[in-house]
C-alpha atoms as a PDB file:
ATOM      1  CA  MET A   1      12.580 -35.165  17.133  1.00  0.00           C
ATOM      2  CA  THR A   2      11.673 -33.777  13.953  1.00  0.00           C
ATOM      3  CA  THR A   3       8.345 -33.096  12.981  1.00  0.00           C
ATOM      4  CA  GLN A   4       6.491 -32.951   9.247  1.00  0.00           C
ATOM      5  CA  THR A   5       4.082 -30.590   7.662  1.00  0.00           C
ATOM      6  CA  ALA A   6       1.641 -31.728   5.224  1.00  0.00           C
ATOM      7  CA  PRO A   7       2.450 -30.109   1.964  1.00  0.00           C
ATOM      8  CA  LEU A   8       0.106 -26.947   1.118  1.00  0.00           C
ATOM      9  CA  SER A   9      -2.465 -27.604  -1.556  1.00  0.00           C
ATOM     10  CA  THR A  10      -2.730 -24.833  -4.020  1.00  0.00           C
ATOM     11  CA  ALA A  11      -5.599 -23.018  -2.487  1.00  0.00           C
ATOM     12  CA  GLN A  12      -3.684 -22.726   0.784  1.00  0.00           C
ATOM     13  CA  SER A  13      -0.418 -21.435  -0.470  1.00  0.00           C
ATOM     14  CA  HIS A  14      -2.303 -18.735  -2.711  1.00  0.00           C
ATOM     15  CA  ASP A  15      -4.021 -17.503   0.601  1.00  0.00           C
ATOM     16  CA  ALA A  16      -1.415 -18.139   2.380  1.00  0.00           C
ATOM     17  CA  ALA A  17       1.335 -15.975  -0.151  1.00  0.00           C
ATOM     18  CA  VAL A  18       1.127 -12.273  -0.094  1.00  0.00           C
ATOM     19  CA  THR A  19       0.962 -10.772  -3.361  1.00  0.00           C
ATOM     20  CA  GLY A  20       2.095  -7.911  -4.704  1.00  0.00           C
ATOM     21  CA  GLU A  21      -0.751  -6.748  -5.208  1.00  0.00           C
ATOM     22  CA  ARG A  22      -2.603  -7.103  -1.957  1.00  0.00           C
ATOM     23  CA  SER A  23       0.576  -5.435  -0.666  1.00  0.00           C
ATOM     24  CA  ALA A  24      -0.375  -2.429  -2.656  1.00  0.00           C
ATOM     25  CA  TYR A  25      -4.265  -2.980  -1.427  1.00  0.00           C
ATOM     26  CA  LEU A  26      -2.824  -2.610   2.023  1.00  0.00           C
ATOM     27  CA  LEU A  27      -0.657  -0.351   1.540  1.00  0.00           C
ATOM     28  CA  LEU A  28      -3.643   1.793  -0.009  1.00  0.00           C
ATOM     29  CA  ALA A  29      -5.481   1.605   2.526  1.00  0.00           C
ATOM     30  CA  ILE A  30      -3.316   2.376   5.307  1.00  0.00           C
ATOM     31  CA  VAL A  31      -2.069   5.980   3.458  1.00  0.00           C
ATOM     32  CA  LEU A  32      -5.981   6.532   3.226  1.00  0.00           C
ATOM     33  CA  ALA A  33      -6.737   5.868   7.098  1.00  0.00           C
ATOM     34  CA  LEU A  34      -3.786   7.902   7.707  1.00  0.00           C
ATOM     35  CA  VAL A  35      -5.257  10.671   5.379  1.00  0.00           C
ATOM     36  CA  ILE A  36      -8.973  10.287   7.016  1.00  0.00           C
ATOM     37  CA  ALA A  37      -7.470  10.783  10.456  1.00  0.00           C
ATOM     38  CA  ALA A  38      -5.439  13.489   9.781  1.00  0.00           C
ATOM     39  CA  VAL A  39      -8.393  15.611   8.275  1.00  0.00           C
ATOM     40  CA  ALA A  40     -10.608  14.222  11.457  1.00  0.00           C
ATOM     41  CA  THR A  41      -7.521  15.949  13.888  1.00  0.00           C
ATOM     42  CA  TRP A  42      -6.631  19.260  11.852  1.00  0.00           C
ATOM     43  CA  GLY A  43      -9.242  19.481   9.292  1.00  0.00           C
ATOM     44  CA  VAL A  44      -8.490  20.798   5.921  1.00  0.00           C
ATOM     45  CA  VAL A  45      -4.733  21.408   6.548  1.00  0.00           C
ATOM     46  CA  GLY A  46      -4.077  17.972   7.444  1.00  0.00           C
ATOM     47  CA  LEU A  47      -5.638  17.285   3.674  1.00  0.00           C
ATOM     48  CA  ALA A  48      -3.391  20.120   2.451  1.00  0.00           C
ATOM     49  CA  MET A  49      -0.534  18.650   4.058  1.00  0.00           C
ATOM     50  CA  SER A  50      -1.025  15.126   2.823  1.00  0.00           C
ATOM     51  CA  ALA A  51      -2.033  16.461  -0.425  1.00  0.00           C
ATOM     52  CA  LEU A  52       1.500  18.511  -0.435  1.00  0.00           C
ATOM     53  CA  ALA A  53       3.144  15.230   0.750  1.00  0.00           C
ATOM     54  CA  THR A  54       2.164  13.524  -2.414  1.00  0.00           C
ATOM     55  CA  VAL A  55       3.575  15.798  -5.002  1.00  0.00           C
ATOM     56  CA  PRO A  56       7.081  14.726  -4.937  1.00  0.00           C
ATOM     57  CA  VAL A  57       5.804  11.321  -5.844  1.00  0.00           C
ATOM     58  CA  ILE A  58       3.235  12.002  -8.138  1.00  0.00           C
ATOM     59  CA  TYR A  59       6.255  13.970  -9.861  1.00  0.00           C
ATOM     60  CA  VAL A  60       8.873  11.089  -9.847  1.00  0.00           C
ATOM     61  CA  VAL A  61       5.532   8.596 -11.300  1.00  0.00           C
ATOM     62  CA  LEU A  62       5.216  10.903 -14.091  1.00  0.00           C
ATOM     63  CA  LEU A  63       8.588  11.087 -15.030  1.00  0.00           C
ATOM     64  CA  LEU A  64       8.566   6.662 -14.713  1.00  0.00           C
ATOM     65  CA  LEU A  65       5.605   6.882 -17.167  1.00  0.00           C
ATOM     66  CA  THR A  66       7.244   9.518 -19.487  1.00  0.00           C
ATOM     67  CA  VAL A  67      10.625   7.375 -19.735  1.00  0.00           C
ATOM     68  CA  GLY A  68       8.316   4.210 -20.150  1.00  0.00           C
ATOM     69  CA  LYS A  69       9.793   1.913 -16.948  1.00  0.00           C
END
């Protein structure tokens, strides 16, 4: 037995698609929630460790911006 589904309209397919922008905002929200949880748990040390962990990321972003990618 085969079942056929109706094709998605443009509004439905747009809502169902996971865009890069939506993924970026979701990742940002998750990272922000983790930093807030770290600060709530360990205080300023959690904030300092999360800032220290982002140093290589910012360094790579600056290099990519300098190269022009």
